[in-house]
């Protein structure tokens, strides 16, 4: 079944330092009318805390959030 929704990829890094490296996926998202966005400057590299910050953006854009499992460290 082919879904008709659009994808928004929210990066935890800059657009010139995309992690994980998968330019084909990001290009496909854009070609199908989706978005690849980030709040970081183009050359900012990914680091662990940037993904926590990215999650704030994800939750802000979401209508609903469902947490299935969260590991405690």
Protein backbone atom coordinates (compact mmCIF):
# COMPACT_ATOMS: atom_id res chain seq x y z
CA UNK A 1 0.00 0.00 0.00
CA UNK A 2 1.41 3.39 -0.99
CA UNK A 3 0.83 6.17 1.55
CA UNK A 4 0.11 9.71 0.39
CA UNK A 5 1.63 11.66 3.29
CA UNK A 6 4.75 13.81 3.18
CA UNK A 7 7.95 13.20 5.12
CA UNK A 8 9.74 15.82 7.20
CA UNK A 9 13.27 14.80 8.15
CA UNK A 10 14.54 16.87 11.08
CA UNK A 11 18.31 16.73 11.41
CA UNK A 12 20.43 16.94 14.54
CA UNK A 13 23.22 18.54 12.50
CA UNK A 14 23.82 21.04 9.71
CA UNK A 15 22.81 20.43 6.10
CA UNK A 16 26.46 20.05 5.02
CA UNK A 17 27.21 17.51 7.77
CA UNK A 18 24.23 15.17 7.38
CA UNK A 19 24.29 12.19 9.72
CA UNK A 20 23.68 9.41 9.05
CA UNK A 21 25.11 9.73 5.54
CA UNK A 22 22.34 8.84 3.13
CA UNK A 23 22.05 11.57 0.50
CA UNK A 24 19.83 9.32 -1.62
CA UNK A 25 17.18 9.13 1.09
CA UNK A 26 17.18 12.89 1.70
CA UNK A 27 17.03 13.59 -2.04
CA UNK A 28 14.09 11.20 -2.37
CA UNK A 29 12.24 12.97 0.47
CA UNK A 30 12.68 16.32 -1.27
CA UNK A 31 11.71 14.98 -4.72
CA UNK A 32 8.46 13.60 -3.29
CA UNK A 33 7.52 16.98 -1.82
CA UNK A 34 8.84 16.47 1.70
CA UNK A 35 11.24 18.57 3.74
CA UNK A 36 14.70 18.15 5.21
CA UNK A 37 15.12 20.76 7.94
CA UNK A 38 17.50 21.66 10.75
CA UNK A 39 17.93 24.42 13.29
CA UNK A 40 21.72 24.18 13.02
CA UNK A 41 24.16 26.13 10.85
CA UNK A 42 25.25 24.26 7.68
CA UNK A 43 28.63 23.03 8.99
CA UNK A 44 27.57 21.91 12.49
CA UNK A 45 28.45 18.24 13.03
CA UNK A 46 26.13 15.82 14.81
CA UNK A 47 26.75 15.18 18.50
CA UNK A 48 24.70 13.23 21.02
CA UNK A 49 23.11 16.26 22.70
CA UNK A 50 21.99 17.71 19.36
CA UNK A 51 19.63 14.75 18.89
CA UNK A 52 17.97 15.53 22.22
CA UNK A 53 17.54 19.12 21.02
CA UNK A 54 16.19 17.84 17.70
CA UNK A 55 13.54 15.85 19.55
CA UNK A 56 12.20 19.15 20.92
CA UNK A 57 11.60 20.27 17.32
CA UNK A 58 9.98 16.96 16.42
CA UNK A 59 7.57 17.22 19.36
CA UNK A 60 6.79 20.86 18.53
CA UNK A 61 5.74 19.91 14.99
CA UNK A 62 3.73 16.88 16.05
CA UNK A 63 0.01 16.75 16.73
CA UNK A 64 0.44 13.75 19.02
CA UNK A 65 3.36 11.95 20.62
CA UNK A 66 3.31 8.33 21.72
CA UNK A 67 6.31 7.01 23.66
CA UNK A 68 6.43 3.24 23.46
CA UNK A 69 9.60 2.55 25.42
CA UNK A 70 12.30 4.69 26.98
CA UNK A 71 15.49 3.18 28.38
CA UNK A 72 16.84 4.64 31.62
CA UNK A 73 20.58 5.35 31.72
